[in-house]
C-alpha cells in the first residue's frame, strides 16, 4: 500500500507495517519515508519507462491531530475508486471532526521524458488542497494516479445556458479537479458516484447545501438531484421539467365543459349589454337593427383601452368622441342615462411625518407642529362619490362628450364604436352552447363521490352554528390522487380557503435561501444596471414608508434581526422582488421550482393551467401581471402592536396561491424584551391621549366619552376560556407549531361577513395607525384602502360586537395557502419569511372578480386599487373562445 504524507511540502511513502501505530514519532516516519521514496522511484522509472505508477492502489493521507504538538498523527479515510472505501466510517469521522476531514483525490501525472528518472522534490507539488477551517495547506503527490478509470473527476462549464462537463487539464498533463459549485481548484472535494463527473467541495456543501450530508452528496450530487444552486445552474432553463399530470381525453373534456358551462351566464350578460346599447343606437339613428353599422376602432394587441371616467377596461363596444377621442364604457353610459353617474374626483391621501419621537410614543416634533395645516392635513371629503349634475343624456339617449373640466370637449356626441369583429360575442355565445350540448351528449357527467378523511381538515375558527370552521387541508401527495380535484372544487366553489401541506416535497429541493437568490441575481446583472440591485427599496413597517437599504444588509437583518436605537425591532419587507415582470427571466430555476411545487395545477399553472382563465389569452395580447411574485420580510412571534411585519387587510382581484418557501427565526434578548415592554406602555398612553382628544373634538365635550376610552384601552388582553382550544397563538397547540415550522399567521374573512367587517372598521377607524404611525384620518373604502391590520384585541372586539370571526391559522414551511377572490385577508410574519405567490382566475370565482371590478370603478381617480389591471371581461371572452376550440377538436377526434 502507498501512503501519502505531507510535511513542509514534501510527499513521501510508507508501507503497511509503518502505519501500524499512531504513536510512532513523526521524525522516524519521515526518515523512513525519504529512503523508500528514492528507492521506489528508481525502480518504477526503469520498469514503467514513464507510465503512470500504482494504478488501482488505495491511498491514505495523514495530518497532524488538531491541537497536537508532539508530531503524532491521526488516520484519515482511504480513497477508493470514488474517494472513500468506507462511507459510514467517513461520516463517523466527519461528525467528530468539526474542522472537516481532508478528502483529496489523487491527480494523474504523466512522467516526462525517460531522462526524468527521479522525482524533483521542489517541483513535485503540482497543486495544493486547502483546509478552509484551519487555513493550512496540504499537498498531493504529483505521481499519484487516479485509483480507477471511474474515479476521474470532471468539472462543469457554463455553455450557452447549459452545464456541460469536461476534463480540465493543465499544460503538463495534470487533471485539475474543480468544485462544480464555486469552480475553484485546490479544494477538498466529494465526487458523485452516479454521474462520476461532478464534484463539490466541503466548504460549498456546508454553505450552500446545509441540509445535505456528505454521504448524500457522494451518492447523488445536487446536480443529479436537479437542485444545484451554482451560478450556472441557477441561470439555466429547461433543466427542470415542470410536471403536467397526465389526464385522459375524458377528463380534459369534462374540465373544458366545466369552464364553458361556468362562463355562459357571464357571456350572456356581456352579449345582452351590447344588444341593449345597439338597440339604443338604432333608436338614435332611427334605423332598424339590421341597418346599424358600427365602426371598428383601431386597437393594438399591446395596448389597453380604458374608460376615461371610471378607468374600467373596455373590451368591445364603447362610445368615443370623434373630436377629442374621449372614451366611455357602457356602464358609465347606462349610469348617465339613469341620472346617477358618480363623481370620481381625486382625493388627497397625505400623512404628516411628526418625527421619530412621535412614532415611538412621544410628542410631535416642533418643526411638524409649526407647519401650516392646509399643506399637511388631509382635506375633508367634498363632492367625491356624489352624483354629477352637469352631465346628462340628451332626450334621444345620445350622450354628449364630457365637460372640459372632466377631460372631454363638451361639444360632440359620443359615437358607438367596437373593437372586436361585428357580432363576435353573440356568435361565440351561440357556438359555446352548441359545443356544450354535443359534449354533454357524448360524455356523461363526471361524478366521483367519496368522503373526506378527518385528518384532511384543520380547525381555523370557532363560530357558533357554522359548518365551515374547518378548512380542507390535504397533503401534497393526496392532491395527485384521482378525484381529489373534486374535493378541492367542492370547498373552492363555496369561497373557502384551502391549505396544502408539504408542497415543496413535490419539487427538486432547490434552495430558497434569500442569499442564494441574491447570488443568482448578482451574477445575472446587467453591468449597466448594477446599482439597481446593490440597493433595494423596502417598506419600513413601523413608519409605513419606503426606505432604501443595501441589499446585503437587508438579507443579514433577515436572519439576524435589526433594531432602532431604542431597541424596538425594525421590521422591513420587500415586495415583488425581483421586479415581478422579470422573475422568470432573472430566476428561471426558481420559477420552474415554484411551478413544480404548485398543487392543483389545472387551476394554478401560470403557463398552461387547463382551468386557469388567465392563460387563455392569445399570443400577442397584453396580459396582466399574475406573477410569480416573491415576498421577503422580517418577522417576530410577539405581536408588537406597532410596526409588525404585516400585510394589511385587503382583497385581491383574483384568486391566489401563496407558498412559504423559507423561514428564519429572530431571537430577542432580555434587554430588548424589557425595552419593548416599556415602549408599549408609551404607545398605549399615546393612543389613549389621542383618542380622547379626537372624541372631544367631535363631541365638543371635555369628558363625555370616558367610558368608551376605558372600554378600549383597559381591556384585558387574554384569550376567552371558550376559545382556549381555538387557533390562537398563546395557550394553544399552535405555539409549538410556530416554534417548529410555523412562519406566518393568516386571517381570512368570509365573503358574507364583509359588510359587518366594513361597518366595524368605519366605527373604530380612529384606533388604527397608518403612515408615519399617524392616526387613520379618512376611510374611502375600509378594505381597499389597505390601511388596517386587526390585532388580536380588535379581532376579539369584532366578534363581540358583530359576531364576525375569520379563519385564523398558522402557515408552516412548505404549505400552500389558496385564497379565493373576494375574501379579505391579512398576514403577520411570525418569523422572517420568504413567500412566493401566483395569481390565477378560476371559473368558480369569476363572479367575485366582476364584483370587485365594479367596486374598484367607484373609487377616486388616484386610489391605489382603482385601475382595472385584471381585465376580467376580456379574459372571459378569450377563455371561452379557446375552450370551445379545444373542445371541438377533442370531440372531433372521438368521432
Foldseek 3Di string as FASTA:
>chain_A
DWEWEFDPQFTFTDDPVVVPDLPDAPVVVVVVRVVVQFVVLLVCLVVVVFAQPDAQDKYWYWDCDVPDDRRGIDTDAIQGLFQHDDVVVQLVVQVVDVLHDFGDFAKDATGDHSVCRHDDRVPQFPAWAASVSVRDIGTHGHRDYRNDPLRDEWEWDFDPQDTDTDWDADPRGITFHAANQPRDTRARWGAAPPVSYHIHGPVCCVPFVVVDDSVRCNPPNLVNLLQRLHLSSQQHPPSFDQDDFDDDLQVLLQLLLVLLVLLLVVLVVVVVLVVVVLVLVCLVVVHDSVPDDAAADDDFQADWDAQLFLQFTADWKWWAFPPQRHIHHSVQLVCQAVQFRFHQADFDDAADQQDPQVLLQHGGDPVRVPDDCVVGPGDDDDRGRGTDDPFHADPSSWGAWDPVVSPTPRDGTIGIYTHDPPCPSVVLSVLSVVLSVVSCVVHPNDDDDDDDDPVQWDAFDDFPPDDPRIAGEEELVVLSDPPVVVVVVVQVLQQGKYKYFQLLVLFSPHAPLVVSLLVNLCVVDDPVCNVVQQKDWKAFQQQRDIDIDGPVVVSVCQAAFDADPLLHTTKIKDWQPPPFVCCCNSRVSVVSRVSSSDGPQLFFRCACNVQFLQNLDDPSRHGFRFGFGKMWIFAAQDDLQGRFAKQFWAFDLFKKKKAFADFHAYDDDPVSVVSSVVSSVSVLVSLLVVVQVVVCVVPVDNDPCVVVSCVVRVDDPDDDPVCQAHADCPNYPVVVVCVPFFWKKKWKFGLVCVVLVQVLCVVPQQSFAARSRHGDDDPQGSRLLRGDDQDPVNQVVSCVPPVTGTRIHTRGHSMMMIRGGNIIMMMTTNGGTMMTMGGTHGSSRLVSSVVVLVVLSSHHPPRPRNNPSRSSVNSSVSSSVSSSVVSVVSVVVVD
